[in-house]
Amino acid sequence: MLVQVLVRLVIVVALMSVVSIALFVGRYRLRATFTEWRSRVRAIAPITLLLGGVLLFNSVARQYGPDFSWLRLVEWNITWAIYDIEGQFILWLQSYSTPEITAYFSFIYIYGYVFLLAFPVMAYFALSNTRPARELLTAYTLNYVLGLLCYTFIIAYGPRNMMPELVEALLYDTYPQYQHLTRQVNRNTNVFPSLHTSLAVTVTFLAYRTRDVYPKWFLLATGLGVSVAISTMYLGIHWAIDVVAGIGLAYISVALAGALVGRWSLSAWLEGRIPALPGFGRDESDHPEAGADSETEPTRTDGN
């Protein structure tokens, strides 16, 4: 069943990405990408490898971090504190549930979320200026690192785990097959902050920064980002406080990414230490005269 869910996820996200590339990226950027891809790959390769290492470590650490919390920092179980502050907001939100709304937010939580994270990587790679892509990947890395620290030292159960008799598990009751996917990456104590929210809002923040380049994508990213945040609460997976904390984590990650990419380049640090591969010359977009740090391209600002 897991393989079937993964195959369906890949197909749906791929179709959404193809349509979005046609709508937002356009042919002229694709043509430029075919001729400049080597220098762009070289520019984003260091942070891409770092992100891959963080994801690999995260997949292991998140399985054992909560156990460490129970052994060493039991007093950091904040579930009841969250409930005392928030009350029955999730119950109120679910009182408006309908099959149509549940279908929409379930789709957003699974497919929309993955698309929201994957497409901007493609869209920013299609830009001659590599800074947006490097900021995006750096912000992703910071989200996972800071999120893992929170999950390690803070225990919190989501609404459907704390109040299973009151809060409906709308996603799994309606589409039980998705449990095979989510249990591969989540534990029931990994709720504060909402990483779904932080990553979705990270994309939205960066879409706002690049709205002059991709104005239509900014509108779609905003709608999807808001929908992802609401879906985590509507489906009974996260508290509203988790979502607020996720927005805060996104803000910190984007701010730090902007500072790090602007002042320190992992690619430049590695230059001279690792021999260049054949065909991978110096990334001309890193030269000041090439406008590497400009936020927009001087040419057309949207798709076709």
Foldseek 3Di string as FASTA:
>chain_A
DLVVVVVVLVVLLVVVLVVCCQFWQADVLVVVCVVQVLLLCLQQVVLVVVLVVLVVVLLVLLVCLLVLQVVPPVVQACAVVLCVVFPCPLLVLLVPDDPVLLVVLLCLQRRVLVSLLPNVCVRLSSDLQNLLNQLLSQLSSLLSVVLSVCLNNHFHAFQCVVCVVRAPQSNCVVPVVCVSVVVSNDDRRSPAAPSSLLSLVLSLVSCVLLCQQGVVVNVVSVVSSVSNLVSCSNSRRYDNNNNVRSVVSNVVSSVVSVVCSVPHGPSVVCVPVDDDDPPNDHSPLVDVVNVNPDSHDPDDRTYD
